[in-house]
Amino acid sequence: NRSDLTYQVSGIVRDSRTNRPVPWAEISTDFQFGGAFFSTSADQNGTYSINTLAEPHDLIVKANGYQLGRVRVGKQWFSWTPKGSEQDDVDLTPNVP
């Protein structure tokens, strides 16, 4: 239980062409300067929620049959430990056969 995981990002992973949910997509953090790594999976409805650090960073979204997705999350904070949340739906582009 990490006390610095004060920021929650949640949303739905969808197919960019059909707008249908993409089940079981993998969501992981990507910090520019290395550091912590957190990951989760979307559920059968494409819904995900990940607890992470509040500093700006990317979420990497992967699913079989789709191109890699990337979304920028977090906020720039100054001199305090922030708490917060945001909603970010992710559209994944299907691989062209």
N, C-alpha and C. Protein backbone atom coordinates (compact mmCIF):
# COMPACT_ATOMS: atom_id res chain seq x y z
N ASN A 1 0.84 -1.19 0.00
CA ASN A 1 0.00 0.00 0.00
C ASN A 1 0.88 1.24 0.00
N ARG A 2 1.00 1.88 -1.13
CA ARG A 2 1.88 3.04 -1.27
C ARG A 2 1.11 4.31 -0.94
N SER A 3 1.63 5.10 -0.01
CA SER A 3 0.94 6.32 0.40
C SER A 3 1.08 7.43 -0.63
N ASP A 4 2.02 7.29 -1.58
CA ASP A 4 2.20 8.34 -2.60
C ASP A 4 1.29 8.12 -3.81
N LEU A 5 0.51 7.03 -3.81
CA LEU A 5 -0.41 6.77 -4.93
C LEU A 5 -1.73 7.51 -4.65
N THR A 6 -1.68 8.82 -4.82
CA THR A 6 -2.80 9.67 -4.44
C THR A 6 -3.61 10.15 -5.63
N TYR A 7 -3.32 9.62 -6.80
CA TYR A 7 -3.99 10.08 -8.01
C TYR A 7 -4.60 8.90 -8.73
N GLN A 8 -5.86 9.03 -9.11
CA GLN A 8 -6.54 7.91 -9.77
C GLN A 8 -6.99 8.34 -11.17
N VAL A 9 -6.67 7.50 -12.14
CA VAL A 9 -7.11 7.72 -13.51
C VAL A 9 -8.04 6.57 -13.86
N SER A 10 -9.19 6.89 -14.44
CA SER A 10 -10.13 5.85 -14.84
C SER A 10 -10.75 6.23 -16.18
N GLY A 11 -11.32 5.24 -16.83
CA GLY A 11 -11.94 5.49 -18.12
C GLY A 11 -12.32 4.19 -18.80
N ILE A 12 -12.58 4.31 -20.09
CA ILE A 12 -12.96 3.16 -20.91
C ILE A 12 -12.05 3.10 -22.12
N VAL A 13 -11.56 1.90 -22.43
CA VAL A 13 -10.77 1.68 -23.63
C VAL A 13 -11.73 1.25 -24.73
N ARG A 14 -11.67 1.98 -25.87
CA ARG A 14 -12.61 1.70 -26.98
C ARG A 14 -11.87 1.51 -28.29
N ASP A 15 -12.51 0.80 -29.19
CA ASP A 15 -12.06 0.65 -30.57
C ASP A 15 -12.35 1.97 -31.30
N SER A 16 -11.34 2.57 -31.91
CA SER A 16 -11.52 3.88 -32.54
C SER A 16 -12.43 3.84 -33.77
N ARG A 17 -12.61 2.66 -34.35
CA ARG A 17 -13.47 2.56 -35.56
C ARG A 17 -14.92 2.23 -35.21
N THR A 18 -15.11 1.33 -34.26
CA THR A 18 -16.47 0.87 -33.94
C THR A 18 -17.04 1.54 -32.68
N ASN A 19 -16.16 2.16 -31.89
CA ASN A 19 -16.52 2.78 -30.61
C ASN A 19 -16.97 1.74 -29.58
N ARG A 20 -16.69 0.47 -29.86
CA ARG A 20 -17.04 -0.60 -28.92
C ARG A 20 -15.92 -0.75 -27.89
N PRO A 21 -16.25 -1.16 -26.67
CA PRO A 21 -15.23 -1.36 -25.64
C PRO A 21 -14.22 -2.43 -26.06
N VAL A 22 -12.98 -2.26 -25.63
CA VAL A 22 -11.93 -3.25 -25.85
C VAL A 22 -11.67 -3.93 -24.50
N PRO A 23 -12.12 -5.18 -24.33
CA PRO A 23 -11.94 -5.85 -23.05
C PRO A 23 -10.50 -6.27 -22.82
N TRP A 24 -10.12 -6.30 -21.54
CA TRP A 24 -8.85 -6.85 -21.06
C TRP A 24 -7.61 -6.11 -21.57
N ALA A 25 -7.74 -4.86 -22.00
CA ALA A 25 -6.56 -4.08 -22.39
C ALA A 25 -5.64 -3.91 -21.18
N GLU A 26 -4.34 -3.83 -21.44
CA GLU A 26 -3.35 -3.64 -20.38
C GLU A 26 -2.99 -2.16 -20.31
N ILE A 27 -3.03 -1.59 -19.11
CA ILE A 27 -2.70 -0.18 -18.90
C ILE A 27 -1.51 -0.12 -17.96
N SER A 28 -0.47 0.62 -18.36
CA SER A 28 0.70 0.75 -17.50
C SER A 28 1.23 2.18 -17.56
N THR A 29 1.99 2.55 -16.54
CA THR A 29 2.54 3.90 -16.45
C THR A 29 3.87 3.99 -17.20
N ASP A 30 4.16 5.17 -17.71
CA ASP A 30 5.43 5.44 -18.38
C ASP A 30 5.89 6.82 -17.94
N PHE A 31 6.84 6.86 -17.02
CA PHE A 31 7.39 8.12 -16.52
C PHE A 31 8.61 8.50 -17.34
N GLN A 32 8.70 9.77 -17.71
CA GLN A 32 9.78 10.24 -18.58
C GLN A 32 11.17 9.95 -18.01
N PHE A 33 11.30 10.03 -16.70
CA PHE A 33 12.62 9.86 -16.10
C PHE A 33 12.71 8.57 -15.29
N GLY A 34 12.04 7.52 -15.79
CA GLY A 34 12.09 6.24 -15.11
C GLY A 34 11.27 6.28 -13.84
N GLY A 35 11.71 5.55 -12.85
CA GLY A 35 10.99 5.57 -11.58
C GLY A 35 9.95 4.48 -11.50
N ALA A 36 8.85 4.82 -10.87
CA ALA A 36 7.83 3.84 -10.52
C ALA A 36 7.15 3.25 -11.74
N PHE A 37 6.64 2.04 -11.56
CA PHE A 37 5.89 1.36 -12.60
C PHE A 37 4.63 0.78 -11.98
N PHE A 38 3.49 1.13 -12.54
CA PHE A 38 2.22 0.60 -12.06
C PHE A 38 1.45 0.09 -13.26
N SER A 39 0.62 -0.93 -13.05
CA SER A 39 -0.15 -1.46 -14.17
C SER A 39 -1.47 -2.04 -13.68
N THR A 40 -2.39 -2.15 -14.62
CA THR A 40 -3.68 -2.76 -14.35
C THR A 40 -4.24 -3.26 -15.67
N SER A 41 -5.37 -3.91 -15.61
CA SER A 41 -6.05 -4.37 -16.82
C SER A 41 -7.48 -3.84 -16.82
N ALA A 42 -7.97 -3.56 -18.01
CA ALA A 42 -9.38 -3.22 -18.15
C ALA A 42 -10.22 -4.47 -17.91
N ASP A 43 -11.46 -4.28 -17.57
CA ASP A 43 -12.34 -5.43 -17.38
C ASP A 43 -12.99 -5.85 -18.69
N GLN A 44 -13.96 -6.73 -18.62
CA GLN A 44 -14.60 -7.24 -19.84
C GLN A 44 -15.36 -6.16 -20.59
N ASN A 45 -15.65 -5.03 -19.94
CA ASN A 45 -16.35 -3.91 -20.56
C ASN A 45 -15.42 -2.79 -21.00
N GLY A 46 -14.10 -3.02 -20.93
CA GLY A 46 -13.12 -2.01 -21.31
C GLY A 46 -12.88 -0.95 -20.26
N THR A 47 -13.50 -1.09 -19.09
CA THR A 47 -13.37 -0.10 -18.03
C THR A 47 -12.09 -0.35 -17.23
N TYR A 48 -11.36 0.74 -16.93
CA TYR A 48 -10.14 0.60 -16.14
C TYR A 48 -10.07 1.68 -15.08
N SER A 49 -9.27 1.42 -14.07
CA SER A 49 -8.95 2.39 -13.03
C SER A 49 -7.56 2.05 -12.53
N ILE A 50 -6.70 3.07 -12.46
CA ILE A 50 -5.33 2.83 -12.00
C ILE A 50 -4.95 3.91 -10.99
N ASN A 51 -4.37 3.49 -9.87
CA ASN A 51 -3.83 4.41 -8.89
C ASN A 51 -2.38 4.66 -9.26
N THR A 52 -1.99 5.93 -9.29
CA THR A 52 -0.66 6.29 -9.75
C THR A 52 -0.19 7.54 -9.03
N LEU A 53 0.92 8.07 -9.48
CA LEU A 53 1.44 9.32 -8.95
C LEU A 53 0.78 10.49 -9.68
N ALA A 54 0.70 11.63 -9.01
CA ALA A 54 -0.02 12.77 -9.58
C ALA A 54 0.80 13.54 -10.61
N GLU A 55 2.11 13.34 -10.62
CA GLU A 55 2.94 14.10 -11.57
C GLU A 55 2.60 13.72 -13.01
N PRO A 56 2.81 14.65 -13.95
CA PRO A 56 2.49 14.35 -15.35
C PRO A 56 3.31 13.17 -15.88
N HIS A 57 2.61 12.26 -16.54
CA HIS A 57 3.25 11.10 -17.16
C HIS A 57 2.28 10.50 -18.16
N ASP A 58 2.73 9.48 -18.86
CA ASP A 58 1.88 8.82 -19.85
C ASP A 58 1.35 7.50 -19.31
N LEU A 59 0.18 7.13 -19.79
CA LEU A 59 -0.31 5.76 -19.64
C LEU A 59 -0.16 5.10 -21.00
N ILE A 60 0.37 3.90 -21.00
CA ILE A 60 0.51 3.10 -22.21
C ILE A 60 -0.62 2.07 -22.20
N VAL A 61 -1.36 1.98 -23.30
CA VAL A 61 -2.49 1.06 -23.37
C VAL A 61 -2.23 0.07 -24.50
N LYS A 62 -2.27 -1.24 -24.15
CA LYS A 62 -1.99 -2.30 -25.12
C LYS A 62 -3.15 -3.29 -25.15
N ALA A 63 -3.47 -3.75 -26.35
CA ALA A 63 -4.45 -4.82 -26.49
C ALA A 63 -4.13 -5.58 -27.78
N ASN A 64 -4.35 -6.88 -27.77
CA ASN A 64 -4.10 -7.69 -28.96
C ASN A 64 -4.95 -7.19 -30.12
N GLY A 65 -4.31 -7.02 -31.29
CA GLY A 65 -5.02 -6.60 -32.48
C GLY A 65 -5.11 -5.09 -32.64
N TYR A 66 -4.45 -4.33 -31.73
CA TYR A 66 -4.53 -2.87 -31.77
C TYR A 66 -3.14 -2.25 -31.70
N GLN A 67 -3.04 -1.06 -32.27
CA GLN A 67 -1.81 -0.29 -32.14
C GLN A 67 -1.71 0.22 -30.70
N LEU A 68 -0.49 0.46 -30.27
CA LEU A 68 -0.21 0.97 -28.93
C LEU A 68 -0.90 2.32 -28.73
N GLY A 69 -1.56 2.48 -27.60
CA GLY A 69 -2.19 3.76 -27.27
C GLY A 69 -1.41 4.46 -26.18
N ARG A 70 -1.47 5.77 -26.18
CA ARG A 70 -0.75 6.56 -25.18
C ARG A 70 -1.61 7.76 -24.82
N VAL A 71 -1.73 8.03 -23.52
CA VAL A 71 -2.50 9.19 -23.06
C VAL A 71 -1.72 9.88 -21.94
N ARG A 72 -1.69 11.20 -21.99
CA ARG A 72 -0.99 12.01 -20.99
C ARG A 72 -1.93 12.24 -19.81
N VAL A 73 -1.45 11.95 -18.60
CA VAL A 73 -2.26 12.13 -17.40
C VAL A 73 -1.46 12.88 -16.34
N GLY A 74 -2.13 13.26 -15.29
CA GLY A 74 -1.47 13.94 -14.18
C GLY A 74 -1.51 15.44 -14.35
N LYS A 75 -1.03 16.12 -13.30
CA LYS A 75 -1.00 17.58 -13.30
C LYS A 75 0.32 18.05 -12.73
N GLN A 76 0.70 19.26 -13.08
CA GLN A 76 1.91 19.86 -12.50
C GLN A 76 1.53 20.46 -11.15
N TRP A 77 2.16 20.03 -10.10
CA TRP A 77 1.85 20.50 -8.76
C TRP A 77 3.06 21.18 -8.17
N PHE A 78 2.85 22.00 -7.18
CA PHE A 78 3.95 22.71 -6.55
C PHE A 78 3.85 22.61 -5.03
N SER A 79 4.88 22.14 -4.41
CA SER A 79 5.13 22.19 -2.96
C SER A 79 4.10 21.50 -2.07
N TRP A 80 3.28 20.62 -2.59
CA TRP A 80 2.41 19.83 -1.72
C TRP A 80 2.15 18.49 -2.38
N THR A 81 1.71 17.55 -1.58
CA THR A 81 1.38 16.23 -2.13
C THR A 81 -0.06 16.27 -2.59
N PRO A 82 -0.28 16.22 -3.87
CA PRO A 82 -1.63 16.36 -4.41
C PRO A 82 -2.44 15.08 -4.31
N LYS A 83 -3.73 15.28 -4.26
CA LYS A 83 -4.67 14.16 -4.40
C LYS A 83 -5.63 14.57 -5.49
N GLY A 84 -6.06 13.61 -6.25
CA GLY A 84 -7.00 13.96 -7.29
C GLY A 84 -7.34 12.77 -8.16
N SER A 85 -8.12 13.06 -9.19
CA SER A 85 -8.50 12.01 -10.13
C SER A 85 -8.85 12.66 -11.45
N GLU A 86 -8.85 11.87 -12.49
CA GLU A 86 -9.28 12.33 -13.80
C GLU A 86 -9.86 11.17 -14.58
N GLN A 87 -10.66 11.51 -15.56
CA GLN A 87 -11.31 10.53 -16.43
C GLN A 87 -10.67 10.64 -17.80
N ASP A 88 -10.13 9.56 -18.30
CA ASP A 88 -9.52 9.54 -19.63
C ASP A 88 -9.95 8.29 -20.37
N ASP A 89 -10.85 8.46 -21.34
CA ASP A 89 -11.18 7.35 -22.22
C ASP A 89 -10.10 7.26 -23.28
N VAL A 90 -9.79 6.05 -23.71
CA VAL A 90 -8.71 5.81 -24.65
C VAL A 90 -9.27 5.11 -25.89
N ASP A 91 -9.00 5.69 -27.06
CA ASP A 91 -9.39 5.06 -28.33
C ASP A 91 -8.18 4.35 -28.92
N LEU A 92 -8.30 3.05 -29.14
CA LEU A 92 -7.22 2.28 -29.77
C LEU A 92 -7.56 2.04 -31.23
N THR A 93 -6.54 2.16 -32.07
CA THR A 93 -6.71 1.94 -33.51
C THR A 93 -6.42 0.48 -33.84
N PRO A 94 -7.36 -0.20 -34.48
CA PRO A 94 -7.13 -1.61 -34.84
C PRO A 94 -5.97 -1.74 -35.83
N ASN A 95 -5.21 -2.82 -35.70
CA ASN A 95 -4.19 -3.13 -36.70
C ASN A 95 -4.89 -3.46 -38.02
N VAL A 96 -4.34 -2.97 -39.11
CA VAL A 96 -4.93 -3.27 -40.42
C VAL A 96 -4.40 -4.63 -40.86
N PRO A 97 -5.29 -5.56 -41.19
CA PRO A 97 -4.84 -6.91 -41.57
C PRO A 97 -4.06 -6.89 -42.89
